[in-house]
Amino acid sequence: MLAVQIAPNMTSKKPRLLVVIDSDLKEEFETLCEIENRSMSNQAVTLIKNFVDNAKREGKLSDRTNSKGSK
């Protein structure tokens, strides 16, 4: 199960992403992040960025900037 919600963030200008996953998957992801010495948030951002970059290379997304001018 995966549920995603953009949540307001009071401490950062970056948007937040709330993800709901099965507990077993969360535990395995947490273990992998510990092995890689990365936070789960940092690893999730890296995975999402790689996913988007691959989609752009494959022509699924255009390489454009959003309305705020960031990539």
Protein backbone atom coordinates (compact mmCIF):
# COMPACT_ATOMS: atom_id res chain seq x y z
CA MET A 1 0.00 0.00 0.00
CA LEU A 2 1.30 3.46 -0.86
CA ALA A 3 -0.33 6.76 0.03
CA VAL A 4 1.31 10.08 -0.68
CA GLN A 5 0.39 13.48 0.72
CA ILE A 6 2.07 16.84 0.33
CA ALA A 7 2.20 18.32 3.81
CA PRO A 8 2.93 21.94 4.76
CA ASN A 9 6.32 22.44 6.36
CA MET A 10 6.93 25.15 8.93
CA THR A 11 10.73 24.80 9.18
CA SER A 12 11.80 24.50 5.53
CA LYS A 13 10.74 26.00 2.24
CA LYS A 14 10.92 22.56 0.63
CA PRO A 15 7.64 20.66 0.36
CA ARG A 16 7.24 17.50 2.41
CA LEU A 17 6.03 14.17 1.15
CA LEU A 18 4.23 11.75 3.47
CA VAL A 19 4.39 8.10 2.39
CA VAL A 20 2.42 5.24 3.95
CA ILE A 21 4.01 1.80 3.46
CA ASP A 22 3.77 -1.66 4.98
CA SER A 23 5.77 -2.06 8.20
CA ASP A 24 7.97 -4.86 6.78
CA LEU A 25 8.99 -2.70 3.83
CA LYS A 26 9.69 0.24 6.17
CA GLU A 27 11.93 -1.92 8.38
CA GLU A 28 13.88 -3.22 5.39
CA PHE A 29 14.25 0.29 3.97
CA GLU A 30 15.40 1.58 7.37
CA THR A 31 18.01 -1.21 7.59
CA LEU A 32 19.34 -0.42 4.11
CA CYS A 33 19.55 3.27 4.98
CA GLU A 34 21.53 2.45 8.12
CA ILE A 35 23.93 0.29 6.06
CA GLU A 36 24.38 3.20 3.63
CA ASN A 37 24.70 5.66 6.56
CA ARG A 38 21.88 7.80 5.14
CA SER A 39 18.66 9.08 6.61
CA MET A 40 15.47 7.58 5.23
CA SER A 41 14.47 11.02 4.00
CA ASN A 42 17.77 11.57 2.18
CA GLN A 43 17.64 8.10 0.63
CA ALA A 44 14.02 8.61 -0.47
CA VAL A 45 14.94 11.91 -2.16
CA THR A 46 17.86 10.20 -3.93
CA LEU A 47 15.62 7.35 -5.14
CA ILE A 48 12.93 9.75 -6.37
CA LYS A 49 15.51 11.95 -8.13
CA ASN A 50 17.03 8.91 -9.86
CA PHE A 51 13.55 7.75 -10.91
CA VAL A 52 12.73 11.16 -12.41
CA ASP A 53 16.15 11.46 -14.10
CA ASN A 54 15.67 8.01 -15.69
CA ALA A 55 12.20 8.98 -16.91
CA LYS A 56 13.67 12.09 -18.53
CA ARG A 57 16.41 10.05 -20.25
CA GLU A 58 13.76 7.63 -21.53
CA GLY A 59 11.65 10.51 -22.87
CA LYS A 60 8.80 9.94 -20.42
CA LEU A 61 9.28 13.46 -19.01
CA SER A 62 10.66 16.55 -20.66
CA ASP A 63 13.72 18.14 -19.06
CA ARG A 64 11.97 21.33 -17.98
CA THR A 65 11.79 23.50 -14.89
CA ASN A 66 8.69 23.90 -12.78
CA SER A 67 6.80 27.17 -12.31
CA LYS A 68 9.19 28.27 -9.53
CA GLY A 69 12.22 27.88 -11.79
CA SER A 70 13.91 24.97 -9.99
CA LYS A 71 14.64 21.55 -11.44
